[in-house]
Amino acid sequence: MNSPIKFSLNLKEDRAILEFELARPLVPHDLKLATPPDPVKMGFADRLLIISGRGPIWFYGYLLEYYHPVKAVAFYDPRLNGAVVVASHTPEYEVGELVKL
């Protein structure tokens, strides 16, 4: 069975932008089928990761845990025209910081 989640990764010098699209509404079992880009194998663990897409809150929790190895994780919010840092392993980015795009 194929995953209903399509990932798109755009690597920049100081950040990686991960966008996802859903082919249909997710159900919890879909997490077993998810294949997000690996930050270590793909060489972007040393950057800020910005995640963007429309999905259930529990899917965002899954992505936050999956991307624990990256320097920092931020979630894009179109209302703020930027991404809010939600986890950081570096003083370069603070939790709650708004990163403009």
C-alpha atoms as a PDB file:
ATOM      1  CA  MET A   1       0.000   0.000   0.000  1.00  0.00           C
ATOM      2  CA  ASN A   2       1.378   3.414  -0.954  1.00  0.00           C
ATOM      3  CA  SER A   3       1.611   6.301   1.442  1.00  0.00           C
ATOM      4  CA  PRO A   4      -0.957   9.077   0.937  1.00  0.00           C
ATOM      5  CA  ILE A   5       1.723  11.606   1.945  1.00  0.00           C
ATOM      6  CA  LYS A   6       3.877  13.301  -0.694  1.00  0.00           C
ATOM      7  CA  PHE A   7       6.999  15.056   0.592  1.00  0.00           C
ATOM      8  CA  SER A   8       8.947  17.773  -1.209  1.00  0.00           C
ATOM      9  CA  LEU A   9      12.317  18.983   0.104  1.00  0.00           C
ATOM     10  CA  ASN A  10      14.009  22.250  -0.873  1.00  0.00           C
ATOM     11  CA  LEU A  11      17.563  22.591   0.451  1.00  0.00           C
ATOM     12  CA  LYS A  12      19.005  26.051   1.011  1.00  0.00           C
ATOM     13  CA  GLU A  13      22.376  27.045   2.438  1.00  0.00           C
ATOM     14  CA  ASP A  14      21.150  27.609   6.004  1.00  0.00           C
ATOM     15  CA  ARG A  15      17.791  25.830   6.022  1.00  0.00           C
ATOM     16  CA  ALA A  16      15.756  23.019   4.573  1.00  0.00           C
ATOM     17  CA  ILE A  17      12.101  23.463   3.685  1.00  0.00           C
ATOM     18  CA  LEU A  18       9.952  20.355   3.833  1.00  0.00           C
ATOM     19  CA  GLU A  19       6.489  20.570   2.349  1.00  0.00           C
ATOM     20  CA  PHE A  20       3.946  17.796   2.433  1.00  0.00           C
ATOM     21  CA  GLU A  21       0.666  17.183   0.649  1.00  0.00           C
ATOM     22  CA  LEU A  22      -1.975  14.638   1.525  1.00  0.00           C
ATOM     23  CA  ALA A  23      -3.770  12.650  -1.166  1.00  0.00           C
ATOM     24  CA  ARG A  24      -6.605  12.056   1.295  1.00  0.00           C
ATOM     25  CA  PRO A  25      -7.342  12.637   4.984  1.00  0.00           C
ATOM     26  CA  LEU A  26      -4.868  10.706   7.134  1.00  0.00           C
ATOM     27  CA  VAL A  27      -5.701   7.899   9.517  1.00  0.00           C
ATOM     28  CA  PRO A  28      -3.285   6.882  12.292  1.00  0.00           C
ATOM     29  CA  HIS A  29      -2.165   3.741  10.417  1.00  0.00           C
ATOM     30  CA  ASP A  30      -0.728   6.020   7.695  1.00  0.00           C
ATOM     31  CA  LEU A  31       2.205   6.830   9.996  1.00  0.00           C
ATOM     32  CA  LYS A  32       3.506   3.312   9.340  1.00  0.00           C
ATOM     33  CA  LEU A  33       3.582   4.087   5.605  1.00  0.00           C
ATOM     34  CA  ALA A  34       5.185   7.539   5.879  1.00  0.00           C
ATOM     35  CA  THR A  35       8.643   7.938   4.318  1.00  0.00           C
ATOM     36  CA  PRO A  36       9.857  11.457   5.137  1.00  0.00           C
ATOM     37  CA  PRO A  37      13.290  12.480   3.808  1.00  0.00           C
ATOM     38  CA  ASP A  38      16.041  11.339   6.180  1.00  0.00           C
ATOM     39  CA  PRO A  39      17.999  14.370   7.500  1.00  0.00           C
ATOM     40  CA  VAL A  40      21.183  12.408   8.200  1.00  0.00           C
ATOM     41  CA  LYS A  41      21.306  10.414   4.960  1.00  0.00           C
ATOM     42  CA  MET A  42      20.365  13.475   2.894  1.00  0.00           C
ATOM     43  CA  GLY A  43      22.778  15.788   4.714  1.00  0.00           C
ATOM     44  CA  PHE A  44      20.491  18.481   6.138  1.00  0.00           C
ATOM     45  CA  ALA A  45      20.657  17.682   9.862  1.00  0.00           C
ATOM     46  CA  ASP A  46      22.972  20.699  10.305  1.00  0.00           C
ATOM     47  CA  ARG A  47      20.256  23.175   9.226  1.00  0.00           C
ATOM     48  CA  LEU A  48      17.029  24.690  10.414  1.00  0.00           C
ATOM     49  CA  LEU A  49      14.142  22.581   9.090  1.00  0.00           C
ATOM     50  CA  ILE A  50      10.934  24.407   8.206  1.00  0.00           C
ATOM     51  CA  ILE A  51       7.900  22.138   7.845  1.00  0.00           C
ATOM     52  CA  SER A  52       4.847  23.237   5.891  1.00  0.00           C
ATOM     53  CA  GLY A  53       1.614  21.495   4.993  1.00  0.00           C
ATOM     54  CA  ARG A  54      -1.962  20.909   6.063  1.00  0.00           C
ATOM     55  CA  GLY A  55      -2.417  17.870   8.244  1.00  0.00           C
ATOM     56  CA  PRO A  56      -3.644  16.656  11.623  1.00  0.00           C
ATOM     57  CA  ILE A  57      -1.852  17.803  14.755  1.00  0.00           C
ATOM     58  CA  TRP A  58      -0.698  14.252  15.520  1.00  0.00           C
ATOM     59  CA  PHE A  59       1.085  14.136  12.145  1.00  0.00           C
ATOM     60  CA  TYR A  60       2.998  17.281  13.113  1.00  0.00           C
ATOM     61  CA  GLY A  61       3.931  15.554  16.386  1.00  0.00           C
ATOM     62  CA  TYR A  62       5.240  12.592  14.388  1.00  0.00           C
ATOM     63  CA  LEU A  63       7.321  14.884  12.165  1.00  0.00           C
ATOM     64  CA  LEU A  64       8.715  16.789  15.143  1.00  0.00           C
ATOM     65  CA  GLU A  65       9.938  13.549  16.717  1.00  0.00           C
ATOM     66  CA  TYR A  66      11.209  12.159  13.396  1.00  0.00           C
ATOM     67  CA  TYR A  67      13.277  15.295  12.786  1.00  0.00           C
ATOM     68  CA  HIS A  68      14.794  15.403  16.283  1.00  0.00           C
ATOM     69  CA  PRO A  69      18.346  15.103  14.800  1.00  0.00           C
ATOM     70  CA  VAL A  70      18.185  18.455  12.957  1.00  0.00           C
ATOM     71  CA  LYS A  71      19.621  21.702  14.333  1.00  0.00           C
ATOM     72  CA  ALA A  72      16.150  23.217  14.849  1.00  0.00           C
ATOM     73  CA  VAL A  73      12.581  22.646  13.669  1.00  0.00           C
ATOM     74  CA  ALA A  74      10.068  25.353  12.776  1.00  0.00           C
ATOM     75  CA  PHE A  75       6.481  25.068  11.553  1.00  0.00           C
ATOM     76  CA  TYR A  76       5.318  27.436   8.831  1.00  0.00           C
ATOM     77  CA  ASP A  77       2.269  29.559   9.633  1.00  0.00           C
ATOM     78  CA  PRO A  78       0.882  31.480   6.642  1.00  0.00           C
ATOM     79  CA  ARG A  79      -0.928  33.907   8.964  1.00  0.00           C
ATOM     80  CA  LEU A  80       2.457  35.026  10.293  1.00  0.00           C
ATOM     81  CA  ASN A  81       4.218  34.847   6.916  1.00  0.00           C
ATOM     82  CA  GLY A  82       6.954  32.906   8.645  1.00  0.00           C
ATOM     83  CA  ALA A  83       7.854  29.795  10.587  1.00  0.00           C
ATOM     84  CA  VAL A  84       7.761  29.437  14.374  1.00  0.00           C
ATOM     85  CA  VAL A  85      10.696  27.585  15.939  1.00  0.00           C
ATOM     86  CA  VAL A  86       9.271  24.771  18.088  1.00  0.00           C
ATOM     87  CA  ALA A  87      12.474  22.859  18.926  1.00  0.00           C
ATOM     88  CA  SER A  88      16.139  23.830  18.903  1.00  0.00           C
ATOM     89  CA  HIS A  89      19.497  22.251  19.717  1.00  0.00           C
ATOM     90  CA  THR A  90      21.471  25.437  19.093  1.00  0.00           C
ATOM     91  CA  PRO A  91      21.597  28.975  20.491  1.00  0.00           C
ATOM     92  CA  GLU A  92      21.269  30.161  16.895  1.00  0.00           C
ATOM     93  CA  TYR A  93      17.492  29.583  17.062  1.00  0.00           C
ATOM     94  CA  GLU A  94      15.244  30.076  20.088  1.00  0.00           C
ATOM     95  CA  VAL A  95      11.944  28.314  20.690  1.00  0.00           C
ATOM     96  CA  GLY A  96       9.184  30.797  19.898  1.00  0.00           C
ATOM     97  CA  GLU A  97      11.321  32.717  17.396  1.00  0.00           C
ATOM     98  CA  LEU A  98       9.625  33.710  14.137  1.00  0.00           C
ATOM     99  CA  VAL A  99      11.737  32.985  11.066  1.00  0.00           C
ATOM    100  CA  LYS A 100      10.639  35.118   8.120  1.00  0.00           C
ATOM    101  CA  LEU A 101      10.671  33.495   4.712  1.00  0.00           C
END
